[in-house]
């Protein structure tokens, strides 16, 4: 009988340990899902920041292109005015 009681006690303890382990595994899974979600949001935010930086980098180039366009237009206008005056 004593051996049977010891086995029952050990079995009950093993079942409790298994339940505890399942609880910990489920908590880890939930934590991993939250972490993955956070990382996905961070990747989206980084993508937005990269786009913003690229657009900021392009601004000076756009300004120079506009300046060059204005200079070329002024030169063409001056040439046309020179040839029209004769």
N, C-alpha and C. Protein backbone atom coordinates (compact mmCIF):
# COMPACT_ATOMS: atom_id res chain seq x y z
N UNK A 1 0.81 -1.20 0.00
CA UNK A 1 0.00 0.00 0.00
C UNK A 1 0.86 1.26 0.00
N UNK A 2 1.94 1.22 0.82
CA UNK A 2 2.78 2.40 0.91
C UNK A 2 3.39 2.72 -0.45
N UNK A 3 3.81 1.68 -1.15
CA UNK A 3 4.40 1.89 -2.48
C UNK A 3 3.37 2.50 -3.42
N UNK A 4 2.12 2.11 -3.29
CA UNK A 4 1.04 2.65 -4.12
C UNK A 4 0.81 4.12 -3.79
N UNK A 5 0.84 4.46 -2.51
CA UNK A 5 0.68 5.86 -2.09
C UNK A 5 1.83 6.72 -2.60
N UNK A 6 3.06 6.18 -2.53
CA UNK A 6 4.22 6.91 -3.04
C UNK A 6 4.09 7.16 -4.54
N UNK A 7 3.66 6.14 -5.26
CA UNK A 7 3.48 6.29 -6.71
C UNK A 7 2.39 7.30 -7.03
N UNK A 8 1.29 7.27 -6.28
CA UNK A 8 0.21 8.24 -6.50
C UNK A 8 0.70 9.67 -6.22
N UNK A 9 1.47 9.80 -5.14
CA UNK A 9 2.00 11.12 -4.80
C UNK A 9 2.96 11.61 -5.88
N UNK A 10 3.85 10.73 -6.32
CA UNK A 10 4.80 11.10 -7.37
C UNK A 10 4.08 11.43 -8.67
N UNK A 11 3.04 10.67 -8.99
CA UNK A 11 2.26 10.92 -10.20
C UNK A 11 1.55 12.27 -10.11
N UNK A 12 0.98 12.58 -8.97
CA UNK A 12 0.30 13.86 -8.78
C UNK A 12 1.29 15.01 -8.90
N UNK A 13 2.50 14.82 -8.31
CA UNK A 13 3.52 15.85 -8.41
C UNK A 13 3.97 16.04 -9.85
N UNK A 14 4.14 14.96 -10.58
CA UNK A 14 4.53 15.03 -11.99
C UNK A 14 3.46 15.75 -12.80
N UNK A 15 2.19 15.46 -12.53
CA UNK A 15 1.10 16.13 -13.23
C UNK A 15 1.11 17.63 -12.93
N UNK A 16 1.36 17.98 -11.67
CA UNK A 16 1.45 19.41 -11.31
C UNK A 16 2.61 20.08 -12.04
N UNK A 17 3.74 19.39 -12.10
CA UNK A 17 4.89 19.95 -12.81
C UNK A 17 4.58 20.14 -14.29
N UNK A 18 3.90 19.17 -14.88
CA UNK A 18 3.54 19.27 -16.29
C UNK A 18 2.60 20.45 -16.52
N UNK A 19 1.64 20.62 -15.66
CA UNK A 19 0.72 21.77 -15.79
C UNK A 19 1.48 23.09 -15.66
N UNK A 20 2.42 23.13 -14.72
CA UNK A 20 3.23 24.34 -14.55
C UNK A 20 4.04 24.62 -15.81
N UNK A 21 4.63 23.58 -16.37
CA UNK A 21 5.41 23.75 -17.60
C UNK A 21 4.53 24.21 -18.75
N UNK A 22 3.36 23.65 -18.91
CA UNK A 22 2.44 24.09 -19.96
C UNK A 22 2.08 25.57 -19.78
N UNK A 23 1.85 25.96 -18.52
CA UNK A 23 1.55 27.37 -18.25
C UNK A 23 2.69 28.28 -18.65
N UNK A 24 3.91 27.87 -18.34
CA UNK A 24 5.08 28.67 -18.70
C UNK A 24 5.26 28.72 -20.21
N UNK A 25 5.04 27.61 -20.89
CA UNK A 25 5.16 27.58 -22.35
C UNK A 25 4.12 28.50 -22.98
N UNK A 26 2.89 28.46 -22.48
CA UNK A 26 1.85 29.34 -23.01
C UNK A 26 2.19 30.81 -22.78
N UNK A 27 2.76 31.11 -21.61
CA UNK A 27 3.16 32.49 -21.33
C UNK A 27 4.28 32.92 -22.27
N UNK A 28 5.22 32.04 -22.54
CA UNK A 28 6.30 32.35 -23.48
C UNK A 28 5.77 32.57 -24.89
N UNK A 29 4.80 31.75 -25.29
CA UNK A 29 4.20 31.93 -26.62
C UNK A 29 3.52 33.29 -26.72
N UNK A 30 2.78 33.67 -25.70
CA UNK A 30 2.10 34.96 -25.71
C UNK A 30 3.11 36.09 -25.74
N UNK A 31 4.19 35.94 -24.98
CA UNK A 31 5.24 36.96 -24.97
C UNK A 31 5.91 37.06 -26.34
N UNK A 32 6.13 35.95 -26.98
CA UNK A 32 6.74 35.95 -28.30
C UNK A 32 5.84 36.63 -29.32
N UNK A 33 4.56 36.40 -29.24
CA UNK A 33 3.61 37.05 -30.16
C UNK A 33 3.67 38.56 -29.96
N UNK A 34 3.69 39.01 -28.71
CA UNK A 34 3.78 40.45 -28.44
C UNK A 34 5.09 41.02 -28.97
N UNK A 35 6.17 40.29 -28.79
CA UNK A 35 7.47 40.74 -29.27
C UNK A 35 7.48 40.84 -30.80
N UNK A 36 6.93 39.85 -31.47
CA UNK A 36 6.88 39.86 -32.93
C UNK A 36 6.03 41.02 -33.43
N UNK A 37 4.92 41.28 -32.75
CA UNK A 37 4.06 42.39 -33.14
C UNK A 37 4.80 43.71 -32.98
N UNK A 38 5.50 43.85 -31.86
CA UNK A 38 6.27 45.07 -31.63
C UNK A 38 7.35 45.24 -32.70
N UNK A 39 8.03 44.16 -33.03
CA UNK A 39 9.07 44.24 -34.06
C UNK A 39 8.49 44.61 -35.41
N UNK A 40 7.33 44.09 -35.74
CA UNK A 40 6.69 44.45 -37.00
C UNK A 40 6.37 45.94 -37.04
N UNK A 41 5.87 46.47 -35.93
CA UNK A 41 5.57 47.90 -35.87
C UNK A 41 6.85 48.73 -35.99
N UNK A 42 7.92 48.25 -35.36
CA UNK A 42 9.19 48.96 -35.46
C UNK A 42 9.72 48.95 -36.88
N UNK A 43 9.58 47.83 -37.57
CA UNK A 43 10.04 47.76 -38.96
C UNK A 43 9.26 48.71 -39.85
N UNK A 44 7.96 48.81 -39.61
CA UNK A 44 7.15 49.76 -40.38
C UNK A 44 7.60 51.19 -40.10
N UNK A 45 7.84 51.49 -38.84
CA UNK A 45 8.28 52.83 -38.47
C UNK A 45 9.64 53.14 -39.08
N UNK A 46 10.54 52.17 -39.08
CA UNK A 46 11.86 52.38 -39.69
C UNK A 46 11.72 52.61 -41.19
N UNK A 47 10.83 51.89 -41.82
CA UNK A 47 10.58 52.10 -43.25
C UNK A 47 10.09 53.51 -43.52
N UNK A 48 9.20 54.00 -42.68
CA UNK A 48 8.71 55.38 -42.84
C UNK A 48 9.83 56.38 -42.65
N UNK A 49 10.68 56.13 -41.65
CA UNK A 49 11.81 57.02 -41.41
C UNK A 49 12.78 57.02 -42.59
N UNK A 50 13.02 55.85 -43.15
CA UNK A 50 13.92 55.78 -44.32
C UNK A 50 13.34 56.60 -45.47
N UNK A 51 12.04 56.49 -45.69
CA UNK A 51 11.41 57.26 -46.76
C UNK A 51 11.51 58.76 -46.49
N UNK A 52 11.33 59.15 -45.24
CA UNK A 52 11.42 60.56 -44.89
C UNK A 52 12.84 61.08 -45.10
N UNK A 53 13.83 60.28 -44.72
CA UNK A 53 15.22 60.69 -44.90
C UNK A 53 15.54 60.82 -46.39
N UNK A 54 15.07 59.89 -47.18
CA UNK A 54 15.31 59.95 -48.62
C UNK A 54 14.68 61.20 -49.23
N UNK A 55 13.47 61.54 -48.79
CA UNK A 55 12.82 62.74 -49.32
C UNK A 55 13.56 63.99 -48.87
N UNK A 56 14.10 63.98 -47.66
CA UNK A 56 14.89 65.12 -47.19
C UNK A 56 16.21 65.24 -47.97
N UNK A 57 16.80 64.11 -48.30
CA UNK A 57 18.01 64.13 -49.10
C UNK A 57 17.74 64.68 -50.50
N UNK A 58 16.56 64.40 -51.04
CA UNK A 58 16.23 64.81 -52.40
C UNK A 58 15.91 66.30 -52.47
N UNK A 59 15.53 66.92 -51.38
CA UNK A 59 15.15 68.33 -51.40
C UNK A 59 16.26 69.24 -51.93
N UNK A 60 17.48 69.17 -51.42
CA UNK A 60 18.51 70.05 -51.96
C UNK A 60 18.74 69.82 -53.45
N UNK A 61 18.68 68.58 -53.88
CA UNK A 61 18.84 68.28 -55.30
C UNK A 61 17.72 68.93 -56.11
N UNK A 62 16.50 68.88 -55.60
CA UNK A 62 15.38 69.52 -56.29
C UNK A 62 15.60 71.02 -56.39
N UNK A 63 16.12 71.62 -55.34
CA UNK A 63 16.38 73.06 -55.36
C UNK A 63 17.43 73.41 -56.39
N UNK A 64 18.50 72.62 -56.45
CA UNK A 64 19.53 72.89 -57.44
C UNK A 64 18.99 72.72 -58.85
N UNK A 65 18.17 71.71 -59.06
CA UNK A 65 17.58 71.50 -60.39
C UNK A 65 16.70 72.68 -60.78
N UNK A 66 15.93 73.19 -59.83
CA UNK A 66 15.09 74.36 -60.12
C UNK A 66 15.96 75.57 -60.45
N UNK A 67 17.06 75.73 -59.70
CA UNK A 67 17.96 76.84 -59.96
C UNK A 67 18.58 76.73 -61.34
N UNK A 68 19.00 75.55 -61.71
CA UNK A 68 19.57 75.33 -63.04
C UNK A 68 18.51 75.61 -64.11
N UNK A 69 17.29 75.17 -63.90
CA UNK A 69 16.21 75.45 -64.85
C UNK A 69 16.00 76.95 -65.01
N UNK A 70 16.02 77.66 -63.89
CA UNK A 70 15.84 79.12 -63.95
C UNK A 70 16.99 79.79 -64.69
N UNK A 71 18.22 79.35 -64.46
CA UNK A 71 19.38 79.93 -65.14
C UNK A 71 19.30 79.67 -66.63
N UNK A 72 18.95 78.44 -67.01
CA UNK A 72 18.83 78.09 -68.43
C UNK A 72 17.72 78.92 -69.06
N UNK A 73 16.60 79.06 -68.38
CA UNK A 73 15.49 79.85 -68.93
C UNK A 73 15.90 81.31 -69.08
N UNK A 74 16.65 81.85 -68.13
CA UNK A 74 17.11 83.24 -68.23
C UNK A 74 18.07 83.40 -69.40
N UNK A 75 18.97 82.43 -69.59
CA UNK A 75 19.90 82.50 -70.72
C UNK A 75 19.17 82.42 -72.05
N UNK A 76 18.20 81.54 -72.15
CA UNK A 76 17.41 81.43 -73.38
C UNK A 76 16.65 82.72 -73.62
N UNK A 77 16.06 83.29 -72.59
CA UNK A 77 15.32 84.55 -72.75
C UNK A 77 16.27 85.67 -73.17
N UNK A 78 17.47 85.72 -72.61
CA UNK A 78 18.44 86.74 -72.98
C UNK A 78 18.88 86.56 -74.42
N UNK A 79 19.08 85.32 -74.83
CA UNK A 79 19.48 85.05 -76.22
C UNK A 79 18.38 85.46 -77.18
N UNK A 80 17.15 85.11 -76.87
CA UNK A 80 16.01 85.48 -77.73
C UNK A 80 15.90 87.00 -77.80
N UNK A 81 16.01 87.67 -76.68
CA UNK A 81 15.93 89.15 -76.67
C UNK A 81 17.08 89.75 -77.48
N UNK A 82 18.26 89.19 -77.40
CA UNK A 82 19.41 89.70 -78.15
C UNK A 82 19.18 89.56 -79.65
N UNK A 83 18.66 88.39 -80.06
CA UNK A 83 18.45 88.17 -81.50
C UNK A 83 17.26 88.96 -82.02
N UNK A 84 16.28 89.22 -81.18
CA UNK A 84 15.13 90.01 -81.64
C UNK A 84 15.52 91.49 -81.80
N UNK A 85 16.42 91.97 -81.02
CA UNK A 85 16.86 93.38 -81.14
C UNK A 85 17.74 93.55 -82.37
N UNK A 86 18.36 92.51 -82.74
CA UNK A 86 19.13 92.58 -83.96
C UNK A 86 20.53 92.81 -83.74
